[in-house]
Amino acid sequence: MKGFLSKAESQWKQLAPSMPFSYQFMDEAFAQMYQSEQRVGKIALLFAVLAIVIASLGLFGLATFMAEQRMKEIGIRKVLGASVRGIIGLMTREFVWMVAVAFIIAAPIAWWAMNKWLGDFAFRISIAWWMFGLAALLALLIAVTTVSIQAFRAAIVNPVKSLKTE
């Protein structure tokens, strides 16, 4: 490589002595071009994880509040024979609908934003439907897990304790 560069520099000086000889390797040029994109990707990943944690905490708080508000209802349902599984299903069903509505609103916006961003690259990929399906499934899994933990805690409480306050 060194021999080639020295030959190229000598040829350059013969052909254009007043112009400085400068060179750049293509792999380094591409790496430098996409370095900022890689940095943005890492920052976006960090903020996405942070947003998921904050959203899960908010969802957990909302599920706690809902379980506390419905403690008497849960106690009455248990006295009348409802299973723990049925109570968990009752409480998580509402949150599944919220996640579904949020996904229906967010998916077209995300598709549009990703197409605009990917349109700036020389080599483009298309956004497949399964990427959105995987995101919806992951959001649903996080929501159901977060709410089910609190619903399980509310469902295993002795109904006498929840009804005794009246």
N, C-alpha and C. Protein backbone atom coordinates (compact mmCIF):
# COMPACT_ATOMS: atom_id res chain seq x y z
N MET A 1 0.83 -1.19 0.00
CA MET A 1 0.00 0.00 0.00
C MET A 1 0.87 1.25 0.00
N LYS A 2 1.94 1.22 0.79
CA LYS A 2 2.82 2.39 0.87
C LYS A 2 3.47 2.68 -0.49
N GLY A 3 3.88 1.61 -1.19
CA GLY A 3 4.51 1.79 -2.50
C GLY A 3 3.55 2.41 -3.50
N PHE A 4 2.30 1.97 -3.46
CA PHE A 4 1.29 2.52 -4.35
C PHE A 4 1.04 4.00 -4.06
N LEU A 5 0.97 4.34 -2.78
CA LEU A 5 0.71 5.73 -2.40
C LEU A 5 1.87 6.64 -2.81
N SER A 6 3.08 6.15 -2.63
CA SER A 6 4.23 6.99 -3.03
C SER A 6 4.28 7.16 -4.55
N LYS A 7 3.95 6.12 -5.30
CA LYS A 7 3.89 6.24 -6.76
C LYS A 7 2.79 7.20 -7.20
N ALA A 8 1.64 7.08 -6.57
CA ALA A 8 0.53 7.96 -6.90
C ALA A 8 0.87 9.41 -6.57
N GLU A 9 1.57 9.63 -5.45
CA GLU A 9 1.96 10.99 -5.09
C GLU A 9 2.97 11.57 -6.08
N SER A 10 3.91 10.74 -6.51
CA SER A 10 4.90 11.25 -7.49
C SER A 10 4.23 11.55 -8.82
N GLN A 11 3.29 10.74 -9.24
CA GLN A 11 2.56 11.00 -10.48
C GLN A 11 1.73 12.28 -10.35
N TRP A 12 1.13 12.45 -9.21
CA TRP A 12 0.31 13.64 -8.96
C TRP A 12 1.17 14.90 -9.04
N LYS A 13 2.35 14.84 -8.45
CA LYS A 13 3.23 16.03 -8.44
C LYS A 13 3.74 16.35 -9.85
N GLN A 14 3.86 15.33 -10.69
CA GLN A 14 4.27 15.57 -12.07
C GLN A 14 3.13 16.22 -12.86
N LEU A 15 1.90 15.75 -12.62
CA LEU A 15 0.78 16.24 -13.41
C LEU A 15 0.22 17.57 -12.88
N ALA A 16 0.19 17.73 -11.57
CA ALA A 16 -0.37 18.95 -10.98
C ALA A 16 0.52 19.40 -9.81
N PRO A 17 1.66 20.01 -10.10
CA PRO A 17 2.60 20.37 -9.03
C PRO A 17 2.06 21.44 -8.08
N SER A 18 1.15 22.27 -8.53
CA SER A 18 0.66 23.34 -7.66
C SER A 18 -0.47 22.88 -6.74
N MET A 19 -1.03 21.74 -6.97
CA MET A 19 -2.13 21.21 -6.16
C MET A 19 -1.58 20.24 -5.11
N PRO A 20 -2.06 20.33 -3.87
CA PRO A 20 -1.57 19.39 -2.85
C PRO A 20 -2.14 17.99 -3.07
N PHE A 21 -1.36 16.99 -2.72
CA PHE A 21 -1.79 15.60 -2.85
C PHE A 21 -2.53 15.19 -1.59
N SER A 22 -3.78 14.82 -1.74
CA SER A 22 -4.56 14.32 -0.59
C SER A 22 -5.35 13.11 -1.05
N TYR A 23 -5.50 12.18 -0.16
CA TYR A 23 -6.22 10.95 -0.48
C TYR A 23 -7.06 10.53 0.72
N GLN A 24 -8.02 9.67 0.46
CA GLN A 24 -8.88 9.16 1.51
C GLN A 24 -9.37 7.78 1.09
N PHE A 25 -9.37 6.86 2.02
CA PHE A 25 -9.85 5.51 1.74
C PHE A 25 -11.37 5.49 1.83
N MET A 26 -12.01 4.73 0.97
CA MET A 26 -13.46 4.71 0.89
C MET A 26 -14.11 4.15 2.17
N ASP A 27 -13.51 3.10 2.73
CA ASP A 27 -14.11 2.54 3.94
C ASP A 27 -14.07 3.54 5.09
N GLU A 28 -13.00 4.33 5.17
CA GLU A 28 -12.92 5.37 6.20
C GLU A 28 -13.93 6.49 5.92
N ALA A 29 -14.11 6.82 4.65
CA ALA A 29 -15.06 7.87 4.29
C ALA A 29 -16.49 7.45 4.64
N PHE A 30 -16.84 6.19 4.33
CA PHE A 30 -18.18 5.70 4.67
C PHE A 30 -18.37 5.61 6.18
N ALA A 31 -17.35 5.15 6.88
CA ALA A 31 -17.44 5.05 8.34
C ALA A 31 -17.64 6.44 8.95
N GLN A 32 -16.94 7.42 8.42
CA GLN A 32 -17.08 8.79 8.92
C GLN A 32 -18.46 9.36 8.59
N MET A 33 -18.97 9.03 7.40
CA MET A 33 -20.27 9.53 6.98
C MET A 33 -21.39 9.00 7.89
N TYR A 34 -21.31 7.73 8.28
CA TYR A 34 -22.36 7.11 9.06
C TYR A 34 -22.08 7.13 10.56
N GLN A 35 -21.00 7.77 10.98
CA GLN A 35 -20.67 7.84 12.39
C GLN A 35 -21.74 8.60 13.17
N SER A 36 -22.21 9.68 12.61
CA SER A 36 -23.24 10.46 13.31
C SER A 36 -24.55 9.66 13.39
N GLU A 37 -24.86 8.88 12.36
CA GLU A 37 -26.07 8.05 12.39
C GLU A 37 -25.97 6.98 13.48
N GLN A 38 -24.78 6.41 13.65
CA GLN A 38 -24.59 5.41 14.68
C GLN A 38 -24.72 6.04 16.07
N ARG A 39 -24.21 7.25 16.22
CA ARG A 39 -24.33 7.96 17.49
C ARG A 39 -25.81 8.27 17.79
N VAL A 40 -26.53 8.73 16.78
CA VAL A 40 -27.96 9.00 16.96
C VAL A 40 -28.70 7.71 17.31
N GLY A 41 -28.31 6.60 16.71
CA GLY A 41 -28.93 5.32 17.01
C GLY A 41 -28.73 4.91 18.46
N LYS A 42 -27.52 5.08 18.97
CA LYS A 42 -27.24 4.74 20.37
C LYS A 42 -28.03 5.63 21.33
N ILE A 43 -28.10 6.91 21.01
CA ILE A 43 -28.85 7.84 21.86
C ILE A 43 -30.34 7.51 21.80
N ALA A 44 -30.84 7.19 20.62
CA ALA A 44 -32.26 6.84 20.48
C ALA A 44 -32.58 5.57 21.26
N LEU A 45 -31.68 4.60 21.24
CA LEU A 45 -31.89 3.36 21.99
C LEU A 45 -31.93 3.65 23.49
N LEU A 46 -31.04 4.51 23.96
CA LEU A 46 -31.02 4.88 25.37
C LEU A 46 -32.33 5.54 25.78
N PHE A 47 -32.79 6.50 24.98
CA PHE A 47 -34.03 7.19 25.31
C PHE A 47 -35.25 6.28 25.15
N ALA A 48 -35.20 5.33 24.24
CA ALA A 48 -36.31 4.38 24.09
C ALA A 48 -36.43 3.50 25.33
N VAL A 49 -35.30 3.01 25.82
CA VAL A 49 -35.32 2.19 27.03
C VAL A 49 -35.82 3.02 28.21
N LEU A 50 -35.35 4.25 28.30
CA LEU A 50 -35.79 5.14 29.37
C LEU A 50 -37.30 5.41 29.28
N ALA A 51 -37.80 5.62 28.07
CA ALA A 51 -39.24 5.86 27.89
C ALA A 51 -40.05 4.63 28.26
N ILE A 52 -39.56 3.45 27.93
CA ILE A 52 -40.27 2.21 28.27
C ILE A 52 -40.32 2.03 29.78
N VAL A 53 -39.21 2.32 30.46
CA VAL A 53 -39.19 2.20 31.92
C VAL A 53 -40.17 3.19 32.56
N ILE A 54 -40.15 4.43 32.09
CA ILE A 54 -41.05 5.45 32.65
C ILE A 54 -42.51 5.09 32.36
N ALA A 55 -42.79 4.63 31.15
CA ALA A 55 -44.16 4.24 30.81
C ALA A 55 -44.61 3.05 31.64
N SER A 56 -43.71 2.10 31.89
CA SER A 56 -44.07 0.95 32.71
C SER A 56 -44.35 1.37 34.15
N LEU A 57 -43.56 2.31 34.66
CA LEU A 57 -43.83 2.81 36.01
C LEU A 57 -45.17 3.53 36.07
N GLY A 58 -45.49 4.32 35.06
CA GLY A 58 -46.78 4.98 35.01
C GLY A 58 -47.92 3.99 34.91
N LEU A 59 -47.73 2.97 34.10
CA LEU A 59 -48.75 1.92 33.96
C LEU A 59 -48.93 1.16 35.26
N PHE A 60 -47.82 0.91 35.94
CA PHE A 60 -47.89 0.23 37.23
C PHE A 60 -48.64 1.09 38.25
N GLY A 61 -48.36 2.38 38.25
CA GLY A 61 -49.07 3.29 39.15
C GLY A 61 -50.55 3.35 38.83
N LEU A 62 -50.89 3.39 37.56
CA LEU A 62 -52.30 3.41 37.16
C LEU A 62 -53.00 2.11 37.55
N ALA A 63 -52.31 0.99 37.38
CA ALA A 63 -52.90 -0.29 37.77
C ALA A 63 -53.07 -0.37 39.28
N THR A 64 -52.12 0.18 40.02
CA THR A 64 -52.24 0.20 41.49
C THR A 64 -53.43 1.04 41.91
N PHE A 65 -53.57 2.20 41.29
CA PHE A 65 -54.69 3.08 41.60
C PHE A 65 -56.02 2.41 41.26
N MET A 66 -56.07 1.76 40.10
CA MET A 66 -57.31 1.09 39.69
C MET A 66 -57.65 -0.06 40.63
N ALA A 67 -56.63 -0.82 41.05
CA ALA A 67 -56.88 -1.94 41.97
C ALA A 67 -57.36 -1.42 43.32
N GLU A 68 -56.79 -0.32 43.76
CA GLU A 68 -57.21 0.26 45.04
C GLU A 68 -58.65 0.78 44.96
N GLN A 69 -59.00 1.40 43.85
CA GLN A 69 -60.35 1.92 43.66
C GLN A 69 -61.38 0.79 43.58
N ARG A 70 -60.97 -0.34 43.03
CA ARG A 70 -61.91 -1.44 42.80
C ARG A 70 -61.75 -2.56 43.83
N MET A 71 -61.14 -2.27 44.96
CA MET A 71 -60.87 -3.30 45.96
C MET A 71 -62.15 -3.96 46.47
N LYS A 72 -63.17 -3.17 46.71
CA LYS A 72 -64.44 -3.73 47.19
C LYS A 72 -65.09 -4.61 46.12
N GLU A 73 -65.04 -4.13 44.87
CA GLU A 73 -65.59 -4.92 43.77
C GLU A 73 -64.86 -6.25 43.65
N ILE A 74 -63.55 -6.21 43.77
CA ILE A 74 -62.76 -7.45 43.69
C ILE A 74 -63.12 -8.37 44.85
N GLY A 75 -63.29 -7.81 46.06
CA GLY A 75 -63.69 -8.62 47.21
C GLY A 75 -65.04 -9.27 47.01
N ILE A 76 -66.00 -8.53 46.48
CA ILE A 76 -67.34 -9.09 46.23
C ILE A 76 -67.27 -10.17 45.16
N ARG A 77 -66.51 -9.94 44.12
CA ARG A 77 -66.35 -10.95 43.07
C ARG A 77 -65.74 -12.24 43.63
N LYS A 78 -64.76 -12.09 44.52
CA LYS A 78 -64.14 -13.28 45.11
C LYS A 78 -65.11 -14.02 46.02
N VAL A 79 -65.90 -13.28 46.77
CA VAL A 79 -66.90 -13.92 47.64
C VAL A 79 -67.92 -14.68 46.79
N LEU A 80 -68.26 -14.12 45.64
CA LEU A 80 -69.23 -14.77 44.76
C LEU A 80 -68.61 -15.88 43.90
N GLY A 81 -67.31 -16.12 44.06
CA GLY A 81 -66.70 -17.27 43.40
C GLY A 81 -65.78 -16.97 42.23
N ALA A 82 -65.41 -15.74 42.03
CA ALA A 82 -64.50 -15.43 40.92
C ALA A 82 -63.11 -15.97 41.23
N SER A 83 -62.46 -16.45 40.19
CA SER A 83 -61.11 -16.97 40.38
C SER A 83 -60.09 -15.84 40.27
N VAL A 84 -58.89 -16.12 40.73
CA VAL A 84 -57.80 -15.14 40.64
C VAL A 84 -57.52 -14.85 39.16
N ARG A 85 -57.56 -15.89 38.37
CA ARG A 85 -57.33 -15.74 36.92
C ARG A 85 -58.38 -14.83 36.28
N GLY A 86 -59.63 -15.00 36.68
CA GLY A 86 -60.70 -14.18 36.14
C GLY A 86 -60.57 -12.71 36.52
N ILE A 87 -60.15 -12.48 37.76
CA ILE A 87 -59.96 -11.10 38.21
C ILE A 87 -58.79 -10.43 37.49
N ILE A 88 -57.72 -11.19 37.31
CA ILE A 88 -56.57 -10.65 36.56
C ILE A 88 -56.98 -10.34 35.13
N GLY A 89 -57.73 -11.24 34.52
CA GLY A 89 -58.20 -11.01 33.15
C GLY A 89 -59.10 -9.79 33.05
N LEU A 90 -59.95 -9.60 34.06
CA LEU A 90 -60.85 -8.44 34.08
C LEU A 90 -60.06 -7.13 34.14
N MET A 91 -59.03 -7.13 34.98
CA MET A 91 -58.27 -5.89 35.16
C MET A 91 -57.33 -5.62 33.97
N THR A 92 -56.77 -6.64 33.38
CA THR A 92 -55.83 -6.41 32.27
C THR A 92 -56.54 -6.11 30.96
N ARG A 93 -57.78 -6.54 30.82
CA ARG A 93 -58.53 -6.31 29.58
C ARG A 93 -58.62 -4.83 29.23
N GLU A 94 -58.84 -4.00 30.22
CA GLU A 94 -58.95 -2.55 29.98
C GLU A 94 -57.63 -1.97 29.46
N PHE A 95 -56.53 -2.45 30.01
CA PHE A 95 -55.23 -1.94 29.59
C PHE A 95 -54.84 -2.45 28.21
N VAL A 96 -55.29 -3.64 27.87
CA VAL A 96 -55.02 -4.17 26.52
C VAL A 96 -55.69 -3.28 25.48
N TRP A 97 -56.91 -2.83 25.78
CA TRP A 97 -57.60 -1.93 24.85
C TRP A 97 -56.85 -0.61 24.71
N MET A 98 -56.34 -0.10 25.84
CA MET A 98 -55.59 1.16 25.77
C MET A 98 -54.33 1.02 24.92
N VAL A 99 -53.63 -0.09 25.07
CA VAL A 99 -52.42 -0.34 24.27
C VAL A 99 -52.78 -0.49 22.80
N ALA A 100 -53.88 -1.17 22.52
CA ALA A 100 -54.31 -1.35 21.13
C ALA A 100 -54.65 -0.02 20.46
N VAL A 101 -55.37 0.83 21.17
CA VAL A 101 -55.72 2.15 20.62
C VAL A 101 -54.46 2.99 20.42
N ALA A 102 -53.55 2.95 21.39
CA ALA A 102 -52.30 3.71 21.26
C ALA A 102 -51.50 3.22 20.06
N PHE A 103 -51.49 1.91 19.83
CA PHE A 103 -50.75 1.38 18.68
C PHE A 103 -51.39 1.79 17.37
N ILE A 104 -52.71 1.78 17.31
CA ILE A 104 -53.41 2.18 16.09
C ILE A 104 -53.12 3.63 15.75
N ILE A 105 -52.98 4.46 16.77
CA ILE A 105 -52.65 5.88 16.54
C ILE A 105 -51.18 6.04 16.17
N ALA A 106 -50.29 5.32 16.86
CA ALA A 106 -48.85 5.53 16.70
C ALA A 106 -48.26 4.86 15.46
N ALA A 107 -48.82 3.75 15.01
CA ALA A 107 -48.22 3.00 13.90
C ALA A 107 -48.13 3.79 12.60
N PRO A 108 -49.19 4.47 12.15
CA PRO A 108 -49.05 5.24 10.91
C PRO A 108 -48.06 6.40 11.03
N ILE A 109 -48.02 7.03 12.19
CA ILE A 109 -47.08 8.13 12.40
C ILE A 109 -45.65 7.60 12.37
N ALA A 110 -45.42 6.47 13.02
CA ALA A 110 -44.08 5.87 13.03
C ALA A 110 -43.68 5.43 11.62
N TRP A 111 -44.60 4.86 10.87
CA TRP A 111 -44.29 4.42 9.51
C TRP A 111 -43.90 5.62 8.64
N TRP A 112 -44.66 6.70 8.75
CA TRP A 112 -44.36 7.91 7.97
C TRP A 112 -42.99 8.49 8.35
N ALA A 113 -42.73 8.60 9.66
CA ALA A 113 -41.46 9.17 10.12
C ALA A 113 -40.28 8.30 9.69
N MET A 114 -40.42 7.00 9.78
CA MET A 114 -39.33 6.10 9.37
C MET A 114 -39.09 6.17 7.87
N ASN A 115 -40.14 6.25 7.09
CA ASN A 115 -39.96 6.37 5.64
C ASN A 115 -39.26 7.67 5.27
N LYS A 116 -39.60 8.77 5.96
CA LYS A 116 -38.93 10.06 5.70
C LYS A 116 -37.46 9.98 6.07
N TRP A 117 -37.15 9.37 7.19
CA TRP A 117 -35.77 9.27 7.65
C TRP A 117 -34.96 8.34 6.75
N LEU A 118 -35.52 7.20 6.40
CA LEU A 118 -34.80 6.24 5.56
C LEU A 118 -34.67 6.73 4.12
N GLY A 119 -35.51 7.67 3.71
CA GLY A 119 -35.43 8.20 2.35
C GLY A 119 -34.17 9.00 2.08
N ASP A 120 -33.47 9.42 3.13
CA ASP A 120 -32.25 10.20 2.96
C ASP A 120 -31.01 9.35 2.69
N PHE A 121 -31.12 8.05 2.80
CA PHE A 121 -29.96 7.18 2.62
C PHE A 121 -29.85 6.70 1.18
N ALA A 122 -28.62 6.44 0.77
CA ALA A 122 -28.39 5.95 -0.59
C ALA A 122 -28.92 4.53 -0.75
N PHE A 123 -28.68 3.70 0.25
CA PHE A 123 -29.17 2.32 0.24
C PHE A 123 -30.33 2.25 1.22
N ARG A 124 -31.51 1.99 0.71
CA ARG A 124 -32.71 2.02 1.53
C ARG A 124 -33.22 0.60 1.79
N ILE A 125 -33.90 0.47 2.91
CA ILE A 125 -34.62 -0.77 3.20
C ILE A 125 -36.09 -0.41 3.32
N SER A 126 -36.92 -1.37 3.07
CA SER A 126 -38.35 -1.11 3.24
C SER A 126 -38.77 -1.56 4.63
N ILE A 127 -39.77 -0.91 5.15
CA ILE A 127 -40.26 -1.24 6.47
C ILE A 127 -41.33 -2.30 6.32
N ALA A 128 -41.10 -3.44 6.91
CA ALA A 128 -42.03 -4.57 6.80
C ALA A 128 -43.10 -4.50 7.89
N TRP A 129 -44.22 -5.13 7.63
CA TRP A 129 -45.34 -5.12 8.57
C TRP A 129 -44.98 -5.83 9.86
N TRP A 130 -44.11 -6.86 9.78
CA TRP A 130 -43.80 -7.63 10.97
C TRP A 130 -43.03 -6.81 12.00
N MET A 131 -42.36 -5.75 11.56
CA MET A 131 -41.66 -4.88 12.51
C MET A 131 -42.66 -4.18 13.42
N PHE A 132 -43.75 -3.73 12.84
CA PHE A 132 -44.80 -3.10 13.64
C PHE A 132 -45.53 -4.13 14.49
N GLY A 133 -45.73 -5.32 13.95
CA GLY A 133 -46.36 -6.39 14.72
C GLY A 133 -45.52 -6.78 15.93
N LEU A 134 -44.21 -6.85 15.73
CA LEU A 134 -43.32 -7.16 16.84
C LEU A 134 -43.34 -6.06 17.90
N ALA A 135 -43.37 -4.81 17.45
CA ALA A 135 -43.44 -3.68 18.40
C ALA A 135 -44.75 -3.72 19.18
N ALA A 136 -45.86 -4.02 18.50
CA ALA A 136 -47.15 -4.11 19.18
C ALA A 136 -47.17 -5.25 20.17
N LEU A 137 -46.61 -6.38 19.78
CA LEU A 137 -46.56 -7.54 20.67
C LEU A 137 -45.70 -7.25 21.89
N LEU A 138 -44.58 -6.58 21.69
CA LEU A 138 -43.70 -6.23 22.80
C LEU A 138 -44.38 -5.23 23.75
N ALA A 139 -45.05 -4.23 23.20
CA ALA A 139 -45.78 -3.26 24.03
C ALA A 139 -46.89 -3.95 24.80
N LEU A 140 -47.59 -4.85 24.15
CA LEU A 140 -48.67 -5.58 24.80
C LEU A 140 -48.12 -6.48 25.91
N LEU A 141 -47.01 -7.12 25.65
CA LEU A 141 -46.38 -7.99 26.65
C LEU A 141 -45.94 -7.19 27.87
N ILE A 142 -45.33 -6.04 27.65
CA ILE A 142 -44.90 -5.19 28.77
C ILE A 142 -46.10 -4.71 29.57
N ALA A 143 -47.15 -4.28 28.88
CA ALA A 143 -48.35 -3.78 29.57
C ALA A 143 -49.03 -4.89 30.36
N VAL A 144 -49.21 -6.04 29.75
CA VAL A 144 -49.89 -7.14 30.44
C VAL A 144 -49.07 -7.62 31.64
N THR A 145 -47.76 -7.70 31.49
CA THR A 145 -46.91 -8.11 32.60
C THR A 145 -46.98 -7.11 33.74
N THR A 146 -46.88 -5.83 33.40
CA THR A 146 -46.91 -4.79 34.42
C THR A 146 -48.24 -4.77 35.16
N VAL A 147 -49.34 -4.85 34.44
CA VAL A 147 -50.66 -4.78 35.06
C VAL A 147 -50.99 -6.09 35.78
N SER A 148 -50.56 -7.21 35.24
CA SER A 148 -50.87 -8.50 35.86
C SER A 148 -50.23 -8.64 37.23
N ILE A 149 -49.05 -8.06 37.40
CA ILE A 149 -48.41 -8.13 38.72
C ILE A 149 -49.29 -7.46 39.76
N GLN A 150 -49.77 -6.27 39.45
CA GLN A 150 -50.61 -5.55 40.40
C GLN A 150 -51.98 -6.20 40.53
N ALA A 151 -52.51 -6.71 39.43
CA ALA A 151 -53.82 -7.38 39.49
C ALA A 151 -53.73 -8.64 40.32
N PHE A 152 -52.62 -9.35 40.23
CA PHE A 152 -52.43 -10.56 41.03
C PHE A 152 -52.39 -10.21 42.52
N ARG A 153 -51.68 -9.14 42.85
CA ARG A 153 -51.63 -8.70 44.25
C ARG A 153 -53.02 -8.37 44.78
N ALA A 154 -53.80 -7.69 43.95
CA ALA A 154 -55.16 -7.32 44.38
C ALA A 154 -56.07 -8.55 44.45
N ALA A 155 -55.85 -9.53 43.59
CA ALA A 155 -56.73 -10.69 43.53
C ALA A 155 -56.48 -11.68 44.66
N ILE A 156 -55.28 -11.69 45.23
CA ILE A 156 -55.01 -12.66 46.30
C ILE A 156 -55.30 -12.12 47.69
N VAL A 157 -55.71 -10.87 47.78
CA VAL A 157 -56.06 -10.29 49.08
C VAL A 157 -57.31 -10.96 49.61
N ASN A 158 -57.33 -11.20 50.89
CA ASN A 158 -58.48 -11.81 51.53
C ASN A 158 -59.69 -10.88 51.36
N PRO A 159 -60.81 -11.38 50.81
CA PRO A 159 -61.97 -10.50 50.58
C PRO A 159 -62.54 -9.91 51.87
N VAL A 160 -62.31 -10.56 53.00
CA VAL A 160 -62.82 -10.05 54.26
C VAL A 160 -62.14 -8.72 54.58
N LYS A 161 -60.83 -8.63 54.32
CA LYS A 161 -60.09 -7.39 54.58
C LYS A 161 -60.59 -6.23 53.73
N SER A 162 -60.90 -6.52 52.47
CA SER A 162 -61.34 -5.45 51.57
C SER A 162 -62.77 -5.02 51.86
N LEU A 163 -63.60 -5.93 52.37
CA LEU A 163 -65.00 -5.59 52.64
C LEU A 163 -65.22 -5.12 54.09
N LYS A 164 -64.24 -5.31 54.93
CA LYS A 164 -64.37 -5.00 56.35
C LYS A 164 -64.44 -3.50 56.61
N THR A 165 -63.90 -2.70 55.73
CA THR A 165 -63.85 -1.25 55.96
C THR A 165 -65.22 -0.61 55.92
N GLU A 166 -66.20 -1.28 55.38
CA GLU A 166 -67.54 -0.69 55.24
C GLU A 166 -68.32 -0.77 56.52
